[in-house]
């Protein structure tokens, strides 16, 4: 009977293996699926989409500067029973990207005391004209610069949207791996506790039959009590991690309690050279400073333009009906104007240009500083990933060795050469090693997310619907 009771203990232990309880693969929630849920439903992800829409509106607003304008002016004066004058002028004005303004209108004036310059034919006067800046504003002008800046502003909004998603997924990544860690630990400890209770029942029966010493039941009870506390502590952490996960899952049709994390994903390590190239090409923080530099460069071009003198020329040809035919500008009916302006010392314009150059230089220093900081942060995260990968490989070997020791102890126990105390000791080391491996895998997953976040590419894990679609 003594050997029978030992076989009960050994058979119970043999059912336990790394990977814990069997799980329904149909209820698996992978990290990629979790990311997509966050991108599809989380309010912060929706805010990121709105940022893209704001960028489009910034460009649309700037293009509004080139909208044609229909204007009409009417002035009338009567005094002492006399009709002094009646002035009516309506015209269409069309600004252009080249800062050349086109104008076409109709003017009709009459009255006893009409100013001679307002005299027009009885049927009114049609006119069309053009205004051209030959000095300041010929190459660069505020309207053109504002349109170009609005396009950069649109890029800034898109870039800000990337930053928002990058930070959101960083937090979501931590939540997933926290949940992963305690789900796996809970499964391992739950299965272990079940087997320990079976062993404890077997030992109690053996003690009652006089086949084992009473101290063996005490030893086994302590083992059960110890891991029962660990089970409760892990259960609490699992509940809290599940609640934290629900902060990122806003789909009403999904309950995290019915899902479990995937354990089949391979431990892949990103290529550092590829990550470094992505950083220099499109890191959102660096891109933000780069776009700012482009906008400052536009300000510099406008400041250079403002040093030039103002020389605006406008020409209007006049058209009116005479003898059933229209008289036009070929008959010398036209109006020409020239405007010239130039500050003699141009101190304001030169100071503004110099200030813009200093801002550009300051921003370039910021780009250099941010580039180095970002590359170093990514290198630190990459080193962490490599170290954790090595630790996982080592921990897997440690676990395998503890499993061999446990099997050997089981054999010795079966042959009556060991004790429950030594068997429990071997089992504890094996379980602790297994839990440590789960912890390292969770840290590795978090470190991969941290690496991608530091590189500014974590947002690529989600296909967020843009406002253009």
Protein backbone atom coordinates (compact mmCIF):
# COMPACT_ATOMS: atom_id res chain seq x y z
CA UNK A 1 0.00 0.00 0.00
CA UNK A 2 2.93 2.31 0.67
CA UNK A 3 4.05 2.04 -2.95
CA UNK A 4 0.47 2.57 -4.16
CA UNK A 5 0.20 5.91 -2.36
CA UNK A 6 3.50 7.01 -3.91
CA UNK A 7 2.18 6.14 -7.36
CA UNK A 8 -0.84 8.39 -6.72
CA UNK A 9 1.50 11.32 -6.09
CA UNK A 10 3.66 10.57 -9.13
CA UNK A 11 0.71 10.17 -11.51
CA UNK A 12 -0.73 13.50 -10.33
CA UNK A 13 2.60 15.26 -10.96
CA UNK A 14 3.03 13.70 -14.38
CA UNK A 15 -0.11 15.41 -15.71
CA UNK A 16 1.40 18.83 -15.02
CA UNK A 17 3.47 20.45 -17.79
CA UNK A 18 4.41 23.91 -18.99
CA UNK A 19 1.57 25.47 -20.91
CA UNK A 20 -0.85 24.77 -18.08
CA UNK A 21 -4.48 24.14 -18.91
CA UNK A 22 -5.90 23.46 -22.33
CA UNK A 23 -7.41 26.55 -23.91
CA UNK A 24 -9.93 27.11 -26.64
CA UNK A 25 -8.02 28.60 -29.57
CA UNK A 26 -11.26 30.05 -30.89
CA UNK A 27 -11.28 32.56 -28.01
CA UNK A 28 -7.71 33.71 -28.49
CA UNK A 29 -7.07 37.46 -28.62
CA UNK A 30 -3.74 38.22 -30.28
CA UNK A 31 -1.82 41.44 -29.76
CA UNK A 32 -2.47 42.48 -33.37
CA UNK A 33 -6.22 41.94 -32.97
CA UNK A 34 -6.16 43.90 -29.73
CA UNK A 35 -4.33 46.79 -31.42
CA UNK A 36 -6.94 46.87 -34.18
CA UNK A 37 -9.77 46.93 -31.63
CA UNK A 38 -8.10 49.91 -29.98
CA UNK A 39 -7.71 51.66 -33.33
CA UNK A 40 -11.31 50.99 -34.37
CA UNK A 41 -13.19 51.90 -31.21
CA UNK A 42 -11.09 53.80 -28.67
CA UNK A 43 -12.11 57.49 -28.29
CA UNK A 44 -8.50 58.66 -28.45
CA UNK A 45 -8.10 56.85 -31.79
CA UNK A 46 -11.20 58.67 -33.04
CA UNK A 47 -9.63 61.94 -31.90
CA UNK A 48 -6.60 61.06 -34.01
CA UNK A 49 -8.88 60.80 -37.06
CA UNK A 50 -10.38 64.20 -36.24
CA UNK A 51 -6.88 65.69 -36.21
CA UNK A 52 -6.47 64.61 -39.84
CA UNK A 53 -9.77 66.28 -40.70
CA UNK A 54 -8.57 69.50 -39.06
CA UNK A 55 -5.51 69.43 -41.30
CA UNK A 56 -7.69 69.23 -44.41
CA UNK A 57 -9.76 72.16 -43.17
CA UNK A 58 -6.61 74.25 -42.64
CA UNK A 59 -5.75 73.86 -46.34
CA UNK A 60 -9.33 74.56 -47.36
CA UNK A 61 -9.33 77.72 -45.27
CA UNK A 62 -6.11 78.94 -46.91
CA UNK A 63 -7.51 78.27 -50.36
CA UNK A 64 -10.41 80.51 -49.45
CA UNK A 65 -8.06 83.47 -49.99
CA UNK A 66 -8.35 82.81 -53.72
CA UNK A 67 -12.13 82.66 -53.84
CA UNK A 68 -13.67 85.20 -56.28
CA UNK A 69 -15.45 88.06 -54.54
CA UNK A 70 -18.53 89.86 -55.76
CA UNK A 71 -18.73 93.41 -54.42
CA UNK A 72 -21.22 96.18 -54.85
CA UNK A 73 -21.14 99.77 -53.62
CA UNK A 74 -24.00 102.25 -53.74
CA UNK A 75 -23.99 105.85 -52.49
CA UNK A 76 -26.79 108.40 -52.88
CA UNK A 77 -27.16 111.99 -51.68
CA UNK A 78 -30.26 114.24 -51.78
CA UNK A 79 -30.31 117.63 -50.12
CA UNK A 80 -32.66 120.58 -50.36
CA UNK A 81 -34.83 118.80 -52.86
CA UNK A 82 -31.89 118.31 -55.18
CA UNK A 83 -30.38 115.03 -56.31
CA UNK A 84 -26.72 115.62 -55.61
CA UNK A 85 -25.38 112.28 -56.82
CA UNK A 86 -26.04 108.59 -57.10
CA UNK A 87 -23.04 106.26 -57.34
CA UNK A 88 -23.29 102.56 -58.08
CA UNK A 89 -20.31 100.30 -58.67
CA UNK A 90 -20.47 96.48 -58.80
CA UNK A 91 -17.56 94.26 -59.70
CA UNK A 92 -16.11 90.74 -59.51
CA UNK A 93 -12.60 90.44 -58.07
CA UNK A 94 -10.52 87.29 -58.54
CA UNK A 95 -7.24 86.84 -56.62
CA UNK A 96 -4.69 84.42 -58.10
CA UNK A 97 -1.80 82.37 -56.74
CA UNK A 98 0.68 84.55 -58.65
CA UNK A 99 -0.56 87.62 -56.74
CA UNK A 100 -2.04 89.00 -59.94
CA UNK A 101 -5.58 90.22 -59.29
CA UNK A 102 -8.22 90.24 -62.01
CA UNK A 103 -11.22 92.55 -61.86
CA UNK A 104 -14.37 93.09 -63.95
CA UNK A 105 -17.33 95.33 -63.16
CA UNK A 106 -20.03 97.77 -64.08
CA UNK A 107 -20.30 101.41 -62.98
CA UNK A 108 -23.27 103.72 -63.30
CA UNK A 109 -23.38 107.24 -61.83
CA UNK A 110 -25.61 110.31 -62.21
CA UNK A 111 -26.60 113.46 -60.37
CA UNK A 112 -26.56 117.27 -60.50
CA UNK A 113 -23.38 117.69 -58.49
CA UNK A 114 -21.55 114.60 -59.66
CA UNK A 115 -17.78 114.75 -59.41
CA UNK A 116 -16.38 114.94 -62.94
CA UNK A 117 -14.16 111.89 -62.39
CA UNK A 118 -17.35 109.84 -61.81
CA UNK A 119 -18.92 110.84 -65.13
CA UNK A 120 -19.90 107.78 -67.14
CA UNK A 121 -22.14 107.24 -70.16
CA UNK A 122 -25.90 107.20 -69.58
CA UNK A 123 -26.07 103.44 -69.96
CA UNK A 124 -23.17 102.93 -67.58
CA UNK A 125 -19.59 101.83 -68.01
CA UNK A 126 -18.18 98.31 -68.10
CA UNK A 127 -14.58 97.76 -67.16
CA UNK A 128 -12.08 94.94 -66.73
CA UNK A 129 -8.58 95.14 -65.38
CA UNK A 130 -5.52 93.57 -63.89
CA UNK A 131 -3.23 94.44 -60.98
CA UNK A 132 0.38 93.22 -61.08
CA UNK A 133 3.07 93.63 -58.37
CA UNK A 134 6.38 94.23 -60.12
CA UNK A 135 8.36 94.62 -56.91
CA UNK A 136 7.40 93.19 -53.52
CA UNK A 137 5.06 90.22 -53.88
CA UNK A 138 6.08 89.22 -57.40
CA UNK A 139 7.81 85.98 -56.32
CA UNK A 140 6.47 85.42 -52.80
CA UNK A 141 3.40 86.99 -51.26
CA UNK A 142 1.41 86.43 -48.04
CA UNK A 143 -1.43 84.59 -49.82
CA UNK A 144 0.89 82.12 -51.51
CA UNK A 145 2.99 81.65 -48.37
CA UNK A 146 -0.13 81.07 -46.23
CA UNK A 147 -1.33 78.39 -48.66
CA UNK A 148 2.04 76.64 -48.54
CA UNK A 149 2.11 76.90 -44.75
CA UNK A 150 -1.38 75.43 -44.55
CA UNK A 151 -0.13 72.33 -46.39
CA UNK A 152 2.64 71.97 -43.84
CA UNK A 153 0.06 72.58 -41.13
CA UNK A 154 -1.95 69.70 -42.57
CA UNK A 155 1.15 67.51 -42.30
CA UNK A 156 1.56 68.64 -38.71
CA UNK A 157 -1.98 67.55 -37.88
CA UNK A 158 -1.37 64.18 -39.53
CA UNK A 159 1.89 63.89 -37.65
CA UNK A 160 0.14 64.79 -34.40
CA UNK A 161 -2.39 62.07 -35.18
CA UNK A 162 0.51 59.61 -35.49
CA UNK A 163 1.90 60.74 -32.13
CA UNK A 164 -1.48 60.27 -30.47
CA UNK A 165 -1.82 56.73 -31.86
CA UNK A 166 1.77 55.90 -31.00
CA UNK A 167 1.24 56.87 -27.35
CA UNK A 168 -2.14 55.16 -27.17
CA UNK A 169 -0.78 51.86 -28.47
CA UNK A 170 2.19 52.10 -26.11
CA UNK A 171 -0.19 52.14 -23.15
CA UNK A 172 -2.34 49.44 -24.76
CA UNK A 173 0.74 47.26 -25.26
CA UNK A 174 1.53 47.46 -21.56
CA UNK A 175 -2.07 46.52 -20.72
CA UNK A 176 -2.01 43.48 -23.00
CA UNK A 177 1.21 42.04 -21.61
CA UNK A 178 0.14 42.69 -18.04
CA UNK A 179 -3.00 40.69 -18.79
CA UNK A 180 -0.94 38.05 -20.60
CA UNK A 181 1.42 37.61 -17.63
CA UNK A 182 -1.22 37.06 -14.99
CA UNK A 183 -3.49 35.00 -17.20
CA UNK A 184 -0.65 32.55 -17.78
CA UNK A 185 0.44 32.62 -14.14
CA UNK A 186 -3.12 32.06 -13.02
CA UNK A 187 -3.45 29.03 -15.33
CA UNK A 188 -0.18 27.52 -14.10
CA UNK A 189 -0.93 28.02 -10.41
CA UNK A 190 -4.53 26.87 -10.78
CA UNK A 191 -3.48 23.59 -12.38
CA UNK A 192 -0.64 23.16 -9.89
CA UNK A 193 -2.97 23.73 -6.95
CA UNK A 194 -5.42 21.16 -8.29
CA UNK A 195 -2.65 18.56 -8.47
CA UNK A 196 -1.38 19.51 -5.00
CA UNK A 197 -4.84 19.01 -3.54
CA UNK A 198 -5.04 15.59 -5.16
CA UNK A 199 -1.65 14.72 -3.69
CA UNK A 200 -2.72 16.02 -0.29
CA UNK A 201 -5.81 13.80 -0.34
CA UNK A 202 -3.62 10.84 -1.27
CA UNK A 203 -1.16 11.58 1.55
CA UNK A 204 -3.98 11.95 4.09
CA UNK A 205 -5.38 8.61 3.03
CA UNK A 206 -1.92 7.07 3.32
CA UNK A 207 -1.46 8.54 6.81
CA UNK A 208 -4.88 7.25 7.86
CA UNK A 209 -3.87 3.79 6.66
CA UNK A 210 -0.64 4.02 8.63
CA UNK A 211 1.47 3.88 5.48
CA UNK A 212 3.00 7.36 5.81
CA UNK A 213 4.18 9.55 8.64
CA UNK A 214 1.76 12.25 9.85
CA UNK A 215 4.43 14.88 9.18
CA UNK A 216 4.08 14.16 5.45
CA UNK A 217 0.49 15.40 5.50
CA UNK A 218 1.61 18.57 7.32
CA UNK A 219 4.34 19.12 4.73
CA UNK A 220 1.86 18.68 1.90
CA UNK A 221 -0.71 20.93 3.60
CA UNK A 222 1.86 23.73 3.86
CA UNK A 223 2.56 23.32 0.17
CA UNK A 224 -1.16 23.61 -0.60
CA UNK A 225 -1.60 26.66 1.66
CA UNK A 226 1.41 28.41 0.18
CA UNK A 227 0.25 28.06 -3.40
CA UNK A 228 -3.35 28.80 -2.48
CA UNK A 229 -2.19 32.24 -1.33
CA UNK A 230 -0.23 32.63 -4.55
CA UNK A 231 -3.38 31.60 -6.44
CA UNK A 232 -5.47 34.28 -4.70
CA UNK A 233 -2.84 36.96 -5.26
CA UNK A 234 -2.55 36.05 -8.95
CA UNK A 235 -6.34 35.92 -9.31
CA UNK A 236 -6.56 39.48 -7.97
CA UNK A 237 -3.87 40.66 -10.40
CA UNK A 238 -5.69 38.93 -13.26
CA UNK A 239 -8.96 40.65 -12.35
CA UNK A 240 -7.24 44.03 -12.19
CA UNK A 241 -5.35 43.48 -15.45
CA UNK A 242 -8.62 42.47 -17.15
CA UNK A 243 -10.26 45.66 -15.93
CA UNK A 244 -7.29 47.65 -17.19
CA UNK A 245 -7.62 45.92 -20.56
CA UNK A 246 -11.25 47.02 -20.73
CA UNK A 247 -10.03 50.64 -20.74
CA UNK A 248 -8.82 50.01 -24.28
CA UNK A 249 -11.61 47.79 -25.63
CA UNK A 250 -14.66 49.92 -26.45
CA UNK A 251 -16.55 47.32 -28.47
CA UNK A 252 -19.88 46.43 -26.83
CA UNK A 253 -19.79 42.99 -28.45
CA UNK A 254 -16.54 41.92 -26.79
CA UNK A 255 -16.10 40.82 -23.18
CA UNK A 256 -12.47 40.28 -22.20
CA UNK A 257 -13.55 37.60 -19.71
CA UNK A 258 -14.29 35.23 -22.62
CA UNK A 259 -10.87 35.60 -24.21
CA UNK A 260 -7.34 34.57 -23.45
CA UNK A 261 -4.03 35.93 -24.79
CA UNK A 262 -2.17 34.14 -27.54
CA UNK A 263 0.94 32.17 -26.55
CA UNK A 264 1.92 31.02 -30.03
CA UNK A 265 3.59 34.21 -31.28
CA UNK A 266 7.30 33.67 -32.02
CA UNK A 267 9.93 35.73 -30.22
CA UNK A 268 11.01 37.91 -33.13
CA UNK A 269 13.61 40.65 -32.73
CA UNK A 270 13.35 43.64 -35.12
CA UNK A 271 16.36 44.60 -37.22
CA UNK A 272 18.08 47.63 -35.69
CA UNK A 273 19.40 49.04 -38.99
CA UNK A 274 15.89 49.01 -40.45
CA UNK A 275 14.51 50.74 -37.35
CA UNK A 276 17.22 53.39 -37.49
CA UNK A 277 16.37 54.15 -41.13
CA UNK A 278 12.70 54.51 -40.21
CA UNK A 279 13.58 56.90 -37.40
CA UNK A 280 15.58 59.22 -39.64
CA UNK A 281 12.92 59.09 -42.34
CA UNK A 282 9.64 59.50 -40.51
CA UNK A 283 9.88 59.62 -36.72
CA UNK A 284 6.91 61.79 -35.65
CA UNK A 285 8.90 63.88 -33.17
CA UNK A 286 11.67 64.56 -35.70
CA UNK A 287 9.13 65.13 -38.45
CA UNK A 288 7.37 67.67 -36.25
CA UNK A 289 10.58 69.71 -35.97
CA UNK A 290 11.35 69.21 -39.66
CA UNK A 291 7.95 70.56 -40.69
CA UNK A 292 8.44 73.52 -38.36
CA UNK A 293 11.71 74.22 -40.17
CA UNK A 294 9.90 74.22 -43.52
CA UNK A 295 7.36 76.70 -42.21
CA UNK A 296 10.13 78.94 -40.85
CA UNK A 297 11.81 78.80 -44.24
CA UNK A 298 8.61 80.15 -45.80
CA UNK A 299 8.64 82.97 -43.26
CA UNK A 300 12.23 83.71 -44.26
CA UNK A 301 11.30 83.88 -47.95
CA UNK A 302 8.47 86.28 -47.15
CA UNK A 303 10.81 88.42 -45.03
CA UNK A 304 13.28 88.60 -47.94
CA UNK A 305 10.43 89.65 -50.22
CA UNK A 306 9.39 92.42 -47.84
CA UNK A 307 12.80 94.08 -48.17
CA UNK A 308 11.98 94.84 -51.81
CA UNK A 309 10.13 98.06 -52.72
CA UNK A 310 6.40 98.01 -53.39
CA UNK A 311 5.70 98.61 -57.06
CA UNK A 312 2.13 97.75 -58.01
CA UNK A 313 0.78 98.47 -61.48
CA UNK A 314 -2.89 98.21 -62.41
CA UNK A 315 -4.60 98.62 -65.73
CA UNK A 316 -8.34 98.77 -66.50
CA UNK A 317 -9.86 98.99 -69.96
CA UNK A 318 -13.22 100.73 -70.18
CA UNK A 319 -16.14 99.61 -72.32
CA UNK A 320 -19.40 101.43 -73.08
CA UNK A 321 -22.08 101.37 -75.77
CA UNK A 322 -21.93 104.05 -78.44
CA UNK A 323 -24.06 104.07 -81.59
CA UNK A 324 -25.12 100.46 -81.00
CA UNK A 325 -21.48 99.41 -80.76
CA UNK A 326 -19.15 98.99 -77.81
CA UNK A 327 -16.25 101.36 -77.54
CA UNK A 328 -13.22 99.70 -75.94
CA UNK A 329 -9.67 100.13 -74.78
CA UNK A 330 -8.34 100.25 -78.37
CA UNK A 331 -9.90 103.72 -78.57
CA UNK A 332 -7.79 104.84 -75.61
CA UNK A 333 -10.49 104.25 -73.03
CA UNK A 334 -8.51 102.97 -70.10
CA UNK A 335 -7.38 103.72 -66.57
CA UNK A 336 -3.84 103.09 -65.33
CA UNK A 337 -2.36 103.36 -61.85
CA UNK A 338 1.07 102.89 -60.28
CA UNK A 339 1.89 102.64 -56.57
CA UNK A 340 5.44 102.82 -55.20
CA UNK A 341 6.59 102.50 -51.60
CA UNK A 342 10.00 101.84 -50.01
CA UNK A 343 11.20 102.48 -46.44
CA UNK A 344 14.61 104.13 -46.62
CA UNK A 345 16.22 102.36 -43.66
CA UNK A 346 14.25 99.07 -43.84
CA UNK A 347 15.23 98.39 -40.23
CA UNK A 348 11.96 96.60 -39.42
CA UNK A 349 12.21 94.27 -42.41
CA UNK A 350 15.90 93.47 -41.88
CA UNK A 351 15.35 92.75 -38.18
CA UNK A 352 12.43 90.47 -38.99
CA UNK A 353 14.55 88.57 -41.52
CA UNK A 354 17.40 88.17 -39.05
CA UNK A 355 15.00 86.99 -36.32
CA UNK A 356 13.58 84.36 -38.69
CA UNK A 357 17.08 83.13 -39.53
CA UNK A 358 17.84 82.78 -35.81
CA UNK A 359 14.63 80.77 -35.32
CA UNK A 360 15.67 78.44 -38.14
CA UNK A 361 19.10 77.97 -36.62
CA UNK A 362 17.60 77.33 -33.18
CA UNK A 363 15.20 74.76 -34.62
CA UNK A 364 18.04 72.98 -36.44
CA UNK A 365 19.86 72.63 -33.11
CA UNK A 366 16.68 71.12 -31.68
CA UNK A 367 16.54 68.65 -34.56
CA UNK A 368 20.12 67.57 -33.91
CA UNK A 369 19.46 67.19 -30.19
CA UNK A 370 16.20 65.31 -30.68
CA UNK A 371 17.77 63.00 -33.27
CA UNK A 372 20.53 61.97 -30.90
CA UNK A 373 18.15 61.54 -27.97
CA UNK A 374 15.78 59.43 -30.07
CA UNK A 375 18.52 57.20 -31.48
CA UNK A 376 19.96 56.66 -27.99
CA UNK A 377 16.52 55.88 -26.56
CA UNK A 378 15.89 53.36 -29.32
CA UNK A 379 19.32 51.83 -28.75
CA UNK A 380 18.54 51.48 -25.04
CA UNK A 381 15.22 49.80 -25.84
CA UNK A 382 16.90 47.54 -28.37
CA UNK A 383 19.54 46.50 -25.84
CA UNK A 384 16.75 45.68 -23.41
CA UNK A 385 15.05 43.50 -26.03
CA UNK A 386 18.27 41.61 -26.77
CA UNK A 387 18.98 41.08 -23.08
CA UNK A 388 15.47 39.81 -22.36
CA UNK A 389 15.68 37.46 -25.34
CA UNK A 390 18.90 35.99 -23.92
CA UNK A 391 17.32 35.72 -20.47
CA UNK A 392 14.30 33.91 -21.92
CA UNK A 393 16.54 31.40 -23.69
CA UNK A 394 18.47 30.86 -20.46
CA UNK A 395 15.29 30.59 -18.40
CA UNK A 396 13.91 27.94 -20.74
CA UNK A 397 17.03 25.89 -20.12
CA UNK A 398 16.71 26.44 -16.37
CA UNK A 399 13.10 25.28 -16.49
CA UNK A 400 14.06 22.19 -18.50
CA UNK A 401 16.72 21.36 -15.92
CA UNK A 402 14.28 21.79 -13.03
CA UNK A 403 11.84 19.51 -14.85
CA UNK A 404 14.56 16.85 -15.14
CA UNK A 405 15.37 17.23 -11.44
CA UNK A 406 11.69 16.87 -10.58
CA UNK A 407 11.35 13.74 -12.68
CA UNK A 408 14.45 12.29 -11.05
CA UNK A 409 13.08 13.11 -7.61
CA UNK A 410 9.83 11.44 -8.56
CA UNK A 411 11.75 8.29 -9.50
CA UNK A 412 13.66 8.35 -6.21
CA UNK A 413 10.39 8.90 -4.32
CA UNK A 414 8.89 5.95 -6.12
CA UNK A 415 11.84 3.80 -5.04
CA UNK A 416 11.55 4.97 -1.46
CA UNK A 417 14.80 6.96 -1.64
CA UNK A 418 13.24 10.43 -1.27
CA UNK A 419 10.64 12.26 0.81
CA UNK A 420 7.63 14.50 0.33
CA UNK A 421 9.72 17.45 1.53
CA UNK A 422 12.31 17.00 -1.23
CA UNK A 423 9.59 16.36 -3.80
CA UNK A 424 7.81 19.60 -2.80
CA UNK A 425 11.09 21.47 -2.89
CA UNK A 426 11.82 20.31 -6.44
CA UNK A 427 8.27 21.17 -7.48
CA UNK A 428 8.48 24.66 -5.97
CA UNK A 429 11.69 25.40 -7.85
CA UNK A 430 10.15 24.16 -11.05
CA UNK A 431 6.99 26.24 -10.60
CA UNK A 432 8.95 29.35 -9.64
CA UNK A 433 11.08 28.89 -12.74
CA UNK A 434 7.97 28.49 -14.88
CA UNK A 435 6.41 31.65 -13.45
CA UNK A 436 9.67 33.52 -14.00
CA UNK A 437 9.67 32.45 -17.65
CA UNK A 438 6.12 33.79 -18.05
CA UNK A 439 7.21 37.07 -16.46
CA UNK A 440 10.18 37.36 -18.82
CA UNK A 441 7.98 36.68 -21.86
CA UNK A 442 5.61 39.45 -20.74
CA UNK A 443 8.51 41.85 -20.22
CA UNK A 444 9.84 40.93 -23.65
CA UNK A 445 6.48 41.75 -25.25
CA UNK A 446 6.39 45.07 -23.42
CA UNK A 447 9.96 45.85 -24.47
CA UNK A 448 9.12 45.19 -28.14
CA UNK A 449 6.25 47.67 -27.83
CA UNK A 450 8.54 50.15 -26.09
CA UNK A 451 11.12 49.76 -28.88
CA UNK A 452 8.55 50.42 -31.61
CA UNK A 453 7.13 53.33 -29.63
CA UNK A 454 10.59 54.88 -29.19
CA UNK A 455 11.21 54.42 -32.91
CA UNK A 456 7.86 56.09 -33.67
CA UNK A 457 6.52 53.14 -35.69
CA UNK A 458 4.09 51.57 -33.23
CA UNK A 459 1.17 53.30 -34.96
CA UNK A 460 1.87 51.16 -38.04
CA UNK A 461 0.41 48.18 -36.15
CA UNK A 462 -3.07 49.65 -36.73
CA UNK A 463 -4.85 50.65 -39.92
CA UNK A 464 -6.78 53.70 -38.77
CA UNK A 465 -9.46 54.91 -41.17
CA UNK A 466 -8.47 58.39 -42.33
CA UNK A 467 -10.88 61.23 -42.85
CA UNK A 468 -10.35 60.99 -46.63
CA UNK A 469 -11.90 57.51 -46.80
